[in-house]
């Protein structure tokens, strides 16, 4: 989702994956895949930049290794198939 502002000043978030094209007529109009159109205060270039930043953030996301608190986790109880039974 990218943040934009309607002409009346109301901030909204638009699903970046649904954007088909952005045009200046002279207002900036975002056309969505479902046929809806959203008129916003931002320039077409700033909308495109926001979509690019969104997609970079989504596709470059990587979990932080070791950031989860696992101090209370129980040890794994998965049996070792090669282990001998007593």
PDB file of N, CA and C in Angstrom:
ATOM      1  N   UNK A   1       0.842  -1.170   0.000  1.00  0.00           N
ATOM      2  CA  UNK A   1       0.000   0.000   0.000  1.00  0.00           C
ATOM      3  C   UNK A   1       0.894   1.243   0.000  1.00  0.00           C
ATOM      4  N   UNK A   2       0.461   2.232  -0.749  1.00  0.00           N
ATOM      5  CA  UNK A   2       1.207   3.488  -0.769  1.00  0.00           C
ATOM      6  C   UNK A   2       0.300   4.604  -0.253  1.00  0.00           C
ATOM      7  N   UNK A   3       0.853   5.529   0.526  1.00  0.00           N
ATOM      8  CA  UNK A   3       0.045   6.636   1.031  1.00  0.00           C
ATOM      9  C   UNK A   3      -0.093   7.730  -0.024  1.00  0.00           C
ATOM     10  N   UNK A   4      -1.313   8.217  -0.204  1.00  0.00           N
ATOM     11  CA  UNK A   4      -1.595   9.341  -1.093  1.00  0.00           C
ATOM     12  C   UNK A   4      -2.651  10.210  -0.424  1.00  0.00           C
ATOM     13  N   UNK A   5      -2.911  11.380  -1.011  1.00  0.00           N
ATOM     14  CA  UNK A   5      -3.883  12.311  -0.451  1.00  0.00           C
ATOM     15  C   UNK A   5      -4.920  12.657  -1.506  1.00  0.00           C
ATOM     16  N   UNK A   6      -6.194  12.438  -1.176  1.00  0.00           N
ATOM     17  CA  UNK A   6      -7.264  12.833  -2.098  1.00  0.00           C
ATOM     18  C   UNK A   6      -7.260  14.356  -2.242  1.00  0.00           C
ATOM     19  N   UNK A   7      -7.928  14.863  -3.273  1.00  0.00           N
ATOM     20  CA  UNK A   7      -7.967  16.311  -3.492  1.00  0.00           C
ATOM     21  C   UNK A   7      -8.583  17.055  -2.315  1.00  0.00           C
ATOM     22  N   UNK A   8      -9.507  16.406  -1.582  1.00  0.00           N
ATOM     23  CA  UNK A   8     -10.151  17.063  -0.443  1.00  0.00           C
ATOM     24  C   UNK A   8      -9.296  17.022   0.820  1.00  0.00           C
ATOM     25  N   UNK A   9      -8.066  16.494   0.721  1.00  0.00           N
ATOM     26  CA  UNK A   9      -7.141  16.484   1.845  1.00  0.00           C
ATOM     27  C   UNK A   9      -7.168  15.228   2.689  1.00  0.00           C
ATOM     28  N   UNK A  10      -8.026  14.286   2.358  1.00  0.00           N
ATOM     29  CA  UNK A  10      -8.129  13.052   3.135  1.00  0.00           C
ATOM     30  C   UNK A  10      -7.010  12.087   2.719  1.00  0.00           C
ATOM     31  N   UNK A  11      -6.179  11.672   3.678  1.00  0.00           N
ATOM     32  CA  UNK A  11      -5.119  10.715   3.343  1.00  0.00           C
ATOM     33  C   UNK A  11      -5.701   9.307   3.214  1.00  0.00           C
ATOM     34  N   UNK A  12      -5.240   8.577   2.209  1.00  0.00           N
ATOM     35  CA  UNK A  12      -5.659   7.190   2.004  1.00  0.00           C
ATOM     36  C   UNK A  12      -4.438   6.369   1.605  1.00  0.00           C
ATOM     37  N   UNK A  13      -4.605   5.068   1.596  1.00  0.00           N
ATOM     38  CA  UNK A  13      -3.564   4.156   1.113  1.00  0.00           C
ATOM     39  C   UNK A  13      -4.134   3.391  -0.067  1.00  0.00           C
ATOM     40  N   UNK A  14      -3.367   3.306  -1.137  1.00  0.00           N
ATOM     41  CA  UNK A  14      -3.782   2.616  -2.355  1.00  0.00           C
ATOM     42  C   UNK A  14      -2.932   1.360  -2.504  1.00  0.00           C
ATOM     43  N   UNK A  15      -3.580   0.273  -2.902  1.00  0.00           N
ATOM     44  CA  UNK A  15      -2.875  -0.982  -3.144  1.00  0.00           C
ATOM     45  C   UNK A  15      -2.012  -0.819  -4.388  1.00  0.00           C
ATOM     46  N   UNK A  16      -0.714  -0.795  -4.200  1.00  0.00           N
ATOM     47  CA  UNK A  16       0.217  -0.564  -5.308  1.00  0.00           C
ATOM     48  C   UNK A  16       0.138  -1.662  -6.361  1.00  0.00           C
ATOM     49  N   UNK A  17      -0.261  -2.861  -5.959  1.00  0.00           N
ATOM     50  CA  UNK A  17      -0.361  -3.976  -6.905  1.00  0.00           C
ATOM     51  C   UNK A  17      -1.565  -3.829  -7.831  1.00  0.00           C
ATOM     52  N   UNK A  18      -2.513  -2.969  -7.486  1.00  0.00           N
ATOM     53  CA  UNK A  18      -3.726  -2.789  -8.291  1.00  0.00           C
ATOM     54  C   UNK A  18      -3.615  -1.631  -9.279  1.00  0.00           C
ATOM     55  N   UNK A  19      -2.539  -0.846  -9.212  1.00  0.00           N
ATOM     56  CA  UNK A  19      -2.404   0.318 -10.084  1.00  0.00           C
ATOM     57  C   UNK A  19      -2.095  -0.130 -11.506  1.00  0.00           C
ATOM     58  N   UNK A  20      -2.921   0.348 -12.453  1.00  0.00           N
ATOM     59  CA  UNK A  20      -2.715   0.040 -13.869  1.00  0.00           C
ATOM     60  C   UNK A  20      -1.896   1.147 -14.511  1.00  0.00           C
ATOM     61  N   UNK A  21      -2.307   2.405 -14.289  1.00  0.00           N
ATOM     62  CA  UNK A  21      -1.523   3.534 -14.776  1.00  0.00           C
ATOM     63  C   UNK A  21      -1.860   4.783 -13.986  1.00  0.00           C
ATOM     64  N   UNK A  22      -0.973   5.778 -14.105  1.00  0.00           N
ATOM     65  CA  UNK A  22      -1.121   7.073 -13.439  1.00  0.00           C
ATOM     66  C   UNK A  22      -1.022   8.130 -14.513  1.00  0.00           C
ATOM     67  N   UNK A  23      -1.942   9.105 -14.484  1.00  0.00           N
ATOM     68  CA  UNK A  23      -1.920  10.158 -15.498  1.00  0.00           C
ATOM     69  C   UNK A  23      -2.204  11.516 -14.870  1.00  0.00           C
ATOM     70  N   UNK A  24      -1.767  12.572 -15.551  1.00  0.00           N
ATOM     71  CA  UNK A  24      -2.044  13.944 -15.139  1.00  0.00           C
ATOM     72  C   UNK A  24      -3.054  14.521 -16.118  1.00  0.00           C
ATOM     73  N   UNK A  25      -4.204  14.991 -15.582  1.00  0.00           N
ATOM     74  CA  UNK A  25      -5.289  15.430 -16.471  1.00  0.00           C
ATOM     75  C   UNK A  25      -5.901  16.798 -16.152  1.00  0.00           C
ATOM     76  N   UNK A  26      -5.404  17.805 -15.607  1.00  0.00           N
ATOM     77  CA  UNK A  26      -4.091  18.036 -15.005  1.00  0.00           C
ATOM     78  C   UNK A  26      -3.960  17.455 -13.606  1.00  0.00           C
ATOM     79  N   UNK A  27      -5.080  17.089 -12.940  1.00  0.00           N
ATOM     80  CA  UNK A  27      -4.955  16.430 -11.639  1.00  0.00           C
ATOM     81  C   UNK A  27      -4.389  15.029 -11.848  1.00  0.00           C
ATOM     82  N   UNK A  28      -3.748  14.514 -10.822  1.00  0.00           N
ATOM     83  CA  UNK A  28      -3.195  13.165 -10.912  1.00  0.00           C
ATOM     84  C   UNK A  28      -4.304  12.154 -10.681  1.00  0.00           C
ATOM     85  N   UNK A  29      -4.483  11.258 -11.647  1.00  0.00           N
ATOM     86  CA  UNK A  29      -5.514  10.224 -11.566  1.00  0.00           C
ATOM     87  C   UNK A  29      -4.824   8.863 -11.556  1.00  0.00           C
ATOM     88  N   UNK A  30      -5.132   8.069 -10.527  1.00  0.00           N
ATOM     89  CA  UNK A  30      -4.615   6.704 -10.430  1.00  0.00           C
ATOM     90  C   UNK A  30      -5.737   5.774 -10.870  1.00  0.00           C
ATOM     91  N   UNK A  31      -5.498   5.002 -11.917  1.00  0.00           N
ATOM     92  CA  UNK A  31      -6.483   4.034 -12.403  1.00  0.00           C
ATOM     93  C   UNK A  31      -6.114   2.652 -11.884  1.00  0.00           C
ATOM     94  N   UNK A  32      -7.113   1.974 -11.307  1.00  0.00           N
ATOM     95  CA  UNK A  32      -6.888   0.667 -10.702  1.00  0.00           C
ATOM     96  C   UNK A  32      -7.411  -0.455 -11.593  1.00  0.00           C
ATOM     97  N   UNK A  33      -6.949  -1.654 -11.350  1.00  0.00           N
ATOM     98  CA  UNK A  33      -7.307  -2.817 -12.162  1.00  0.00           C
ATOM     99  C   UNK A  33      -8.799  -3.122 -12.118  1.00  0.00           C
ATOM    100  N   UNK A  34      -9.482  -2.742 -11.041  1.00  0.00           N
ATOM    101  CA  UNK A  34     -10.913  -3.010 -10.939  1.00  0.00           C
ATOM    102  C   UNK A  34     -11.764  -1.925 -11.594  1.00  0.00           C
ATOM    103  N   UNK A  35     -11.123  -0.942 -12.233  1.00  0.00           N
ATOM    104  CA  UNK A  35     -11.837   0.125 -12.917  1.00  0.00           C
ATOM    105  C   UNK A  35     -12.010   1.395 -12.101  1.00  0.00           C
ATOM    106  N   UNK A  36     -11.732   1.335 -10.803  1.00  0.00           N
ATOM    107  CA  UNK A  36     -11.833   2.531  -9.965  1.00  0.00           C
ATOM    108  C   UNK A  36     -10.755   3.526 -10.354  1.00  0.00           C
ATOM    109  N   UNK A  37     -11.069   4.798 -10.135  1.00  0.00           N
ATOM    110  CA  UNK A  37     -10.104   5.872 -10.370  1.00  0.00           C
ATOM    111  C   UNK A  37     -10.028   6.714  -9.115  1.00  0.00           C
ATOM    112  N   UNK A  38      -8.812   7.083  -8.732  1.00  0.00           N
ATOM    113  CA  UNK A  38      -8.592   7.891  -7.538  1.00  0.00           C
ATOM    114  C   UNK A  38      -7.846   9.144  -7.962  1.00  0.00           C
ATOM    115  N   UNK A  39      -8.415  10.314  -7.640  1.00  0.00           N
ATOM    116  CA  UNK A  39      -7.773  11.592  -7.948  1.00  0.00           C
ATOM    117  C   UNK A  39      -7.031  12.037  -6.691  1.00  0.00           C
ATOM    118  N   UNK A  40      -5.726  12.315  -6.844  1.00  0.00           N
ATOM    119  CA  UNK A  40      -4.886  12.630  -5.687  1.00  0.00           C
ATOM    120  C   UNK A  40      -4.099  13.921  -5.905  1.00  0.00           C
ATOM    121  N   UNK A  41      -3.573  14.457  -4.798  1.00  0.00           N
ATOM    122  CA  UNK A  41      -2.777  15.695  -4.839  1.00  0.00           C
ATOM    123  C   UNK A  41      -1.350  15.466  -5.321  1.00  0.00           C
ATOM    124  N   UNK A  42      -0.818  14.276  -5.107  1.00  0.00           N
ATOM    125  CA  UNK A  42       0.568  13.987  -5.464  1.00  0.00           C
ATOM    126  C   UNK A  42       0.764  14.045  -6.974  1.00  0.00           C
ATOM    127  N   UNK A  43       1.999  14.297  -7.382  1.00  0.00           N
ATOM    128  CA  UNK A  43       2.317  14.297  -8.812  1.00  0.00           C
ATOM    129  C   UNK A  43       2.389  12.851  -9.306  1.00  0.00           C
ATOM    130  N   UNK A  44       2.197  12.642 -10.610  1.00  0.00           N
ATOM    131  CA  UNK A  44       2.348  11.277 -11.130  1.00  0.00           C
ATOM    132  C   UNK A  44       3.717  10.677 -10.798  1.00  0.00           C
ATOM    133  N   UNK A  45       4.773  11.481 -10.893  1.00  0.00           N
ATOM    134  CA  UNK A  45       6.113  10.963 -10.604  1.00  0.00           C
ATOM    135  C   UNK A  45       6.249  10.540  -9.152  1.00  0.00           C
ATOM    136  N   UNK A  46       5.648  11.292  -8.215  1.00  0.00           N
ATOM    137  CA  UNK A  46       5.755  10.901  -6.805  1.00  0.00           C
ATOM    138  C   UNK A  46       4.976   9.617  -6.525  1.00  0.00           C
ATOM    139  N   UNK A  47       3.872   9.391  -7.254  1.00  0.00           N
ATOM    140  CA  UNK A  47       3.131   8.132  -7.112  1.00  0.00           C
ATOM    141  C   UNK A  47       3.987   6.980  -7.637  1.00  0.00           C
ATOM    142  N   UNK A  48       4.598   7.175  -8.791  1.00  0.00           N
ATOM    143  CA  UNK A  48       5.473   6.145  -9.363  1.00  0.00           C
ATOM    144  C   UNK A  48       6.639   5.863  -8.415  1.00  0.00           C
ATOM    145  N   UNK A  49       7.239   6.906  -7.859  1.00  0.00           N
ATOM    146  CA  UNK A  49       8.346   6.728  -6.917  1.00  0.00           C
ATOM    147  C   UNK A  49       7.903   5.939  -5.684  1.00  0.00           C
ATOM    148  N   UNK A  50       6.687   6.213  -5.192  1.00  0.00           N
ATOM    149  CA  UNK A  50       6.163   5.494  -4.028  1.00  0.00           C
ATOM    150  C   UNK A  50       5.940   4.019  -4.349  1.00  0.00           C
ATOM    151  N   UNK A  51       5.459   3.730  -5.557  1.00  0.00           N
ATOM    152  CA  UNK A  51       5.255   2.337  -5.971  1.00  0.00           C
ATOM    153  C   UNK A  51       6.601   1.621  -6.072  1.00  0.00           C
ATOM    154  N   UNK A  52       7.589   2.283  -6.642  1.00  0.00           N
ATOM    155  CA  UNK A  52       8.925   1.683  -6.755  1.00  0.00           C
ATOM    156  C   UNK A  52       9.495   1.404  -5.364  1.00  0.00           C
ATOM    157  N   UNK A  53       9.377   2.356  -4.450  1.00  0.00           N
ATOM    158  CA  UNK A  53       9.877   2.165  -3.085  1.00  0.00           C
ATOM    159  C   UNK A  53       9.142   1.023  -2.394  1.00  0.00           C
ATOM    160  N   UNK A  54       7.829   0.936  -2.605  1.00  0.00           N
ATOM    161  CA  UNK A  54       7.030  -0.144  -2.026  1.00  0.00           C
ATOM    162  C   UNK A  54       7.516  -1.497  -2.544  1.00  0.00           C
ATOM    163  N   UNK A  55       7.677  -1.600  -3.841  1.00  0.00           N
ATOM    164  CA  UNK A  55       8.088  -2.886  -4.426  1.00  0.00           C
ATOM    165  C   UNK A  55       9.501  -3.269  -4.009  1.00  0.00           C
ATOM    166  N   UNK A  56      10.384  -2.296  -3.894  1.00  0.00           N
ATOM    167  CA  UNK A  56      11.736  -2.591  -3.403  1.00  0.00           C
ATOM    168  C   UNK A  56      11.676  -3.118  -1.978  1.00  0.00           C
ATOM    169  N   UNK A  57      10.855  -2.478  -1.157  1.00  0.00           N
ATOM    170  CA  UNK A  57      10.735  -2.896   0.241  1.00  0.00           C
ATOM    171  C   UNK A  57      10.158  -4.303   0.347  1.00  0.00           C
ATOM    172  N   UNK A  58       9.181  -4.620  -0.479  1.00  0.00           N
ATOM    173  CA  UNK A  58       8.555  -5.940  -0.437  1.00  0.00           C
ATOM    174  C   UNK A  58       9.508  -7.018  -0.953  1.00  0.00           C
ATOM    175  N   UNK A  59      10.144  -6.776  -2.071  1.00  0.00           N
ATOM    176  CA  UNK A  59      10.974  -7.803  -2.693  1.00  0.00           C
ATOM    177  C   UNK A  59      12.355  -7.945  -2.069  1.00  0.00           C
ATOM    178  N   UNK A  60      12.803  -6.955  -1.330  1.00  0.00           N
ATOM    179  CA  UNK A  60      14.107  -7.038  -0.674  1.00  0.00           C
ATOM    180  C   UNK A  60      13.995  -7.379   0.797  1.00  0.00           C
ATOM    181  N   UNK A  61      12.769  -7.617   1.276  1.00  0.00           N
ATOM    182  CA  UNK A  61      12.572  -7.915   2.689  1.00  0.00           C
ATOM    183  C   UNK A  61      13.224  -9.234   3.039  1.00  0.00           C
ATOM    184  N   UNK A  62      13.957  -9.232   4.154  1.00  0.00           N
ATOM    185  CA  UNK A  62      14.555 -10.460   4.657  1.00  0.00           C
ATOM    186  C   UNK A  62      14.374 -10.474   6.164  1.00  0.00           C
ATOM    187  N   UNK A  63      14.009 -11.617   6.717  1.00  0.00           N
ATOM    188  CA  UNK A  63      13.830 -11.677   8.172  1.00  0.00           C
ATOM    189  C   UNK A  63      15.157 -11.445   8.886  1.00  0.00           C
ATOM    190  N   UNK A  64      15.076 -10.875  10.059  1.00  0.00           N
ATOM    191  CA  UNK A  64      16.266 -10.647  10.867  1.00  0.00           C
ATOM    192  C   UNK A  64      16.641 -11.948  11.555  1.00  0.00           C
ATOM    193  N   UNK A  65      17.755 -12.524  11.204  1.00  0.00           N
ATOM    194  CA  UNK A  65      18.202 -13.783  11.785  1.00  0.00           C
ATOM    195  C   UNK A  65      18.577 -13.543  13.236  1.00  0.00           C
ATOM    196  N   UNK A  66      18.026 -14.371  14.115  1.00  0.00           N
ATOM    197  CA  UNK A  66      18.345 -14.274  15.532  1.00  0.00           C
ATOM    198  C   UNK A  66      17.606 -13.177  16.264  1.00  0.00           C
ATOM    199  N   UNK A  67      16.649 -12.513  15.612  1.00  0.00           N
ATOM    200  CA  UNK A  67      15.957 -11.417  16.275  1.00  0.00           C
ATOM    201  C   UNK A  67      14.798 -11.900  17.134  1.00  0.00           C
ATOM    202  N   UNK A  68      14.298 -13.105  16.894  1.00  0.00           N
ATOM    203  CA  UNK A  68      13.180 -13.621  17.676  1.00  0.00           C
ATOM    204  C   UNK A  68      13.688 -14.109  19.030  1.00  0.00           C
ATOM    205  N   UNK A  69      12.899 -13.873  20.068  1.00  0.00           N
ATOM    206  CA  UNK A  69      13.265 -14.333  21.403  1.00  0.00           C
ATOM    207  C   UNK A  69      12.865 -15.801  21.528  1.00  0.00           C
ATOM    208  N   UNK A  70      13.840 -16.676  21.542  1.00  0.00           N
ATOM    209  CA  UNK A  70      13.569 -18.115  21.631  1.00  0.00           C
ATOM    210  C   UNK A  70      14.038 -18.677  22.967  1.00  0.00           C
ATOM    211  N   UNK A  71      14.235 -17.825  23.962  1.00  0.00           N
ATOM    212  CA  UNK A  71      14.786 -18.271  25.238  1.00  0.00           C
ATOM    213  C   UNK A  71      13.843 -19.211  25.980  1.00  0.00           C
ATOM    214  N   UNK A  72      12.548 -19.140  25.730  1.00  0.00           N
ATOM    215  CA  UNK A  72      11.594 -20.000  26.424  1.00  0.00           C
ATOM    216  C   UNK A  72      11.157 -21.191  25.585  1.00  0.00           C
ATOM    217  N   UNK A  73      11.720 -21.349  24.416  1.00  0.00           N
ATOM    218  CA  UNK A  73      11.343 -22.464  23.550  1.00  0.00           C
ATOM    219  C   UNK A  73      11.889 -23.773  24.104  1.00  0.00           C
ATOM    220  N   UNK A  74      11.080 -24.824  23.977  1.00  0.00           N
ATOM    221  CA  UNK A  74      11.541 -26.149  24.380  1.00  0.00           C
ATOM    222  C   UNK A  74      12.423 -26.717  23.280  1.00  0.00           C
ATOM    223  N   UNK A  75      13.342 -27.603  23.629  1.00  0.00           N
ATOM    224  CA  UNK A  75      14.173 -28.215  22.592  1.00  0.00           C
ATOM    225  C   UNK A  75      13.317 -29.043  21.642  1.00  0.00           C
ATOM    226  N   UNK A  76      13.798 -29.207  20.454  1.00  0.00           N
ATOM    227  CA  UNK A  76      13.085 -29.975  19.446  1.00  0.00           C
ATOM    228  C   UNK A  76      12.930 -31.422  19.892  1.00  0.00           C
ATOM    229  N   UNK A  77      11.745 -31.984  19.669  1.00  0.00           N
ATOM    230  CA  UNK A  77      11.486 -33.373  20.041  1.00  0.00           C
ATOM    231  C   UNK A  77      11.329 -34.248  18.804  1.00  0.00           C
ATOM    232  N   UNK A  78      11.932 -33.822  17.719  1.00  0.00           N
ATOM    233  CA  UNK A  78      11.884 -34.606  16.492  1.00  0.00           C
ATOM    234  C   UNK A  78      12.826 -35.788  16.654  1.00  0.00           C
ATOM    235  N   UNK A  79      12.320 -37.019  16.467  1.00  0.00           N
ATOM    236  CA  UNK A  79      13.194 -38.182  16.659  1.00  0.00           C
ATOM    237  C   UNK A  79      14.272 -38.260  15.595  1.00  0.00           C
ATOM    238  N   UNK A  80      15.415 -38.759  15.997  1.00  0.00           N
ATOM    239  CA  UNK A  80      16.527 -38.967  15.083  1.00  0.00           C
ATOM    240  C   UNK A  80      16.400 -40.382  14.527  1.00  0.00           C
ATOM    241  N   UNK A  81      16.123 -40.539  13.232  1.00  0.00           N
ATOM    242  CA  UNK A  81      15.905 -41.879  12.694  1.00  0.00           C
ATOM    243  C   UNK A  81      17.125 -42.788  12.803  1.00  0.00           C
ATOM    244  N   UNK A  82      18.313 -42.245  12.929  1.00  0.00           N
ATOM    245  CA  UNK A  82      19.518 -43.061  13.028  1.00  0.00           C
ATOM    246  C   UNK A  82      19.904 -43.407  14.453  1.00  0.00           C
ATOM    247  N   UNK A  83      19.169 -42.870  15.428  1.00  0.00           N
ATOM    248  CA  UNK A  83      19.524 -43.098  16.832  1.00  0.00           C
ATOM    249  C   UNK A  83      19.101 -44.501  17.264  1.00  0.00           C
ATOM    250  N   UNK A  84      19.875 -45.097  18.181  1.00  0.00           N
ATOM    251  CA  UNK A  84      19.548 -46.420  18.717  1.00  0.00           C
ATOM    252  C   UNK A  84      18.538 -46.277  19.836  1.00  0.00           C
ATOM    253  N   UNK A  85      17.650 -47.232  19.906  1.00  0.00           N
ATOM    254  CA  UNK A  85      16.690 -47.243  21.010  1.00  0.00           C
ATOM    255  C   UNK A  85      17.218 -48.153  22.106  1.00  0.00           C
ATOM    256  N   UNK A  86      17.022 -47.740  23.340  1.00  0.00           N
ATOM    257  CA  UNK A  86      17.509 -48.540  24.465  1.00  0.00           C
ATOM    258  C   UNK A  86      16.508 -49.578  24.893  1.00  0.00           C
TER     259      UNK A  86
END
